[in-house]
Protein backbone atom coordinates (compact mmCIF):
# COMPACT_ATOMS: atom_id res chain seq x y z
CA GLY A 1 13.67 31.69 -20.06
CA TYR A 2 11.03 29.02 -18.83
CA PRO A 3 9.66 29.41 -15.48
CA VAL A 4 11.51 27.55 -12.29
CA ILE A 5 8.65 25.40 -10.64
CA VAL A 6 9.80 24.61 -7.22
CA VAL A 7 7.90 21.79 -5.22
CA PRO A 8 7.45 23.26 -2.36
CA ARG A 9 7.59 21.02 1.01
CA ARG A 10 4.01 20.69 2.70
CA THR A 11 4.14 23.41 4.59
CA VAL A 12 1.82 21.61 7.34
CA GLU A 13 3.87 18.18 7.76
CA GLN A 14 1.75 15.68 9.10
CA PRO A 15 2.51 12.11 9.82
CA VAL A 16 2.92 9.37 7.26
CA THR A 17 1.57 5.84 8.08
CA VAL A 18 3.90 3.10 6.81
CA ARG A 19 3.02 -0.40 7.10
CA PHE A 20 5.25 -3.10 6.97
CA LEU A 21 3.91 -6.58 5.04
CA ALA A 22 6.24 -9.75 5.14
CA GLU A 23 6.14 -11.44 2.17
CA ASP A 24 7.29 -15.03 3.31
CA ASN A 25 6.95 -17.25 6.29
CA ASP A 26 10.13 -16.23 7.83
CA TRP A 27 10.60 -13.99 11.32
CA ALA A 28 12.05 -11.02 10.74
CA SER A 29 13.20 -8.46 13.15
CA ILE A 30 12.33 -4.51 12.12
CA TYR A 31 14.55 -2.08 13.35
CA LEU A 32 14.55 1.78 12.97
CA ASP A 33 17.07 3.86 14.00
CA GLY A 34 18.76 0.99 16.20
CA ARG A 35 15.57 0.55 18.07
CA LEU A 36 13.75 -3.29 17.43
CA LEU A 37 10.19 -1.61 16.00
CA PHE A 38 8.64 -5.13 15.16
CA ARG A 39 9.15 -8.83 15.22
CA ALA A 40 6.97 -11.00 12.25
CA ASN A 41 6.43 -14.13 13.52
CA ASN A 42 3.77 -16.65 12.59
CA THR A 43 0.50 -14.71 13.62
CA ARG A 44 1.51 -11.21 13.03
CA ARG A 45 3.10 -10.42 9.51
CA ASP A 46 1.51 -7.01 9.30
CA TYR A 47 2.20 -3.75 11.52
CA THR A 48 1.59 -0.45 10.49
CA VAL A 49 3.07 2.58 12.65
CA ARG A 50 3.08 6.43 12.07
CA LEU A 51 6.12 7.91 11.79
CA GLU A 52 6.89 11.92 11.59
CA PRO A 53 8.17 13.23 8.46
CA GLY A 54 12.13 12.96 8.23
CA ALA A 55 14.69 10.04 7.73
CA TYR A 56 14.82 7.01 9.60
CA TYR A 57 17.56 4.03 9.24
CA LEU A 58 15.88 1.23 8.80
CA GLU A 59 17.40 -2.58 9.04
CA VAL A 60 15.35 -5.78 8.51
CA THR A 61 16.99 -8.74 9.81
CA GLY A 62 15.86 -12.33 10.69
CA VAL A 63 15.15 -13.65 14.29
CA THR A 64 18.91 -12.59 14.92
CA SER A 65 20.59 -9.02 14.33
CA PHE A 66 23.14 -10.73 12.67
CA ASP A 67 21.29 -12.24 9.94
CA ARG A 68 20.60 -8.85 7.90
CA TRP A 69 18.94 -8.89 5.01
CA ASP A 70 18.38 -5.06 3.97
CA ALA A 71 19.21 -1.75 5.57
CA GLY A 72 19.03 1.47 4.32
CA TYR A 73 17.43 5.28 4.74
CA LEU A 74 13.34 5.33 4.89
CA ASP A 75 12.75 9.06 3.85
CA VAL A 76 8.97 9.71 4.39
CA GLY A 77 6.83 12.70 4.13
CA ARG A 78 8.65 14.33 1.43
CA ASN A 79 5.87 14.32 -1.13
CA ASP A 80 2.10 14.04 -0.34
CA ALA A 81 2.33 10.51 -0.63
CA ASN A 82 0.81 9.80 3.52
CA VAL A 83 1.00 5.78 3.58
CA VAL A 84 4.21 4.22 2.34
CA VAL A 85 4.05 0.38 2.45
CA ILE A 86 6.89 -1.89 3.23
CA ARG A 87 7.24 -5.12 1.77
CA TYR A 88 10.11 -7.37 2.71
CA SER A 89 11.54 -10.71 2.70
CA LYS A 90 14.51 -12.67 3.40
CA ASP A 91 15.17 -13.40 -0.74
CA SER A 92 13.80 -9.92 -2.05
CA GLY A 93 14.89 -7.74 1.23
CA VAL A 94 13.07 -4.57 1.45
CA ARG A 95 10.86 -3.02 -1.77
CA VAL A 96 9.05 0.18 -1.31
CA ALA A 97 5.55 1.19 -2.88
CA GLY A 98 3.44 4.58 -2.34
CA ASP A 99 6.53 7.04 -2.54
CA PRO A 100 9.45 5.34 -5.08
CA TYR A 101 11.86 7.90 -3.36
CA ALA A 102 11.31 7.30 0.51
CA TRP A 103 13.92 4.20 -0.09
CA LEU A 104 17.91 4.72 0.02
CA PRO A 105 19.28 1.38 0.15
CA ASP A 106 22.81 1.04 1.92
CA GLU A 107 25.37 0.75 -0.93
CA SER A 108 27.38 -1.98 1.43
CA ASP A 109 25.73 -5.12 -0.55
CA ASP A 110 27.17 -7.99 -0.66
C-alpha cells in the first residue's frame, strides 16, 4: 500500500500573531474565553495579540454583549500559519485569513 503521511504538530509551539481588523465603522467588542480583549471604536480599528497555540472561544458583539454578531472557536497554531488575520463586521460576522481551519463557527446561527 501507499505510505501514510502524518503531518506532525510543530514540536516547538510558538505563539501565533492574531490580528483583528474591523471592516466597518461600527463599534465592536471582542471577547476571548469570556473576557473582553478589545473594544473597537472610532480611533482604534486594528488590534493585534499573540496567543499560545490552542482553541479559544471568540465572541464578536456590538457595543453591548447582547448584540452578538458572531461566535465560535478560534483554533490557532495547528499549522505553520503563525499569522492569522480576523476580519469582522456586523453584516459579515467573522472571516479568518491565514489558516482556513482556524475558525469553527457556532452552529447556533439565527
